[in-house]
């Protein structure tokens, strides 16, 4: 199984789980404070080329915008098993997000909160293409 960090998709407030991932996994996978904030501000400058490709892949899987260039780069970067693991994780998080939304669960009290200014900006921007 691959290491956790390369496959932990960055999360924003669209899933209302951003704070859970930041609090529970951010430091564990080695994210800097700048990288954590970049999951909200979409500042691509703090990510490696591989991490930017992962973000691009996650966005493409989430919004159905997979293009030939992204697919070619993904296939050149990760094995088929790793690609399937990424797709499975994205699908799993979509399932959790749907359950949370349907059940109207409140955010966990121990989780960090998305900064207000960034929450407003993230809520108004279209998801596709905003990170890379």
Foldseek 3Di string as FASTA:
>chain_A
DDDDQLQPAQDDCVLPCNQVCCVVPCVVSPHDPVRSLCSLVLPQVVDDPSSLLLNLVLLCLVPVPDDPVSVVVVVVPDPPVVVVVSSVVSVVSVVVSVVCVVVVDDRDPPTDDDDPVSNVVVVPDDSPPSRD
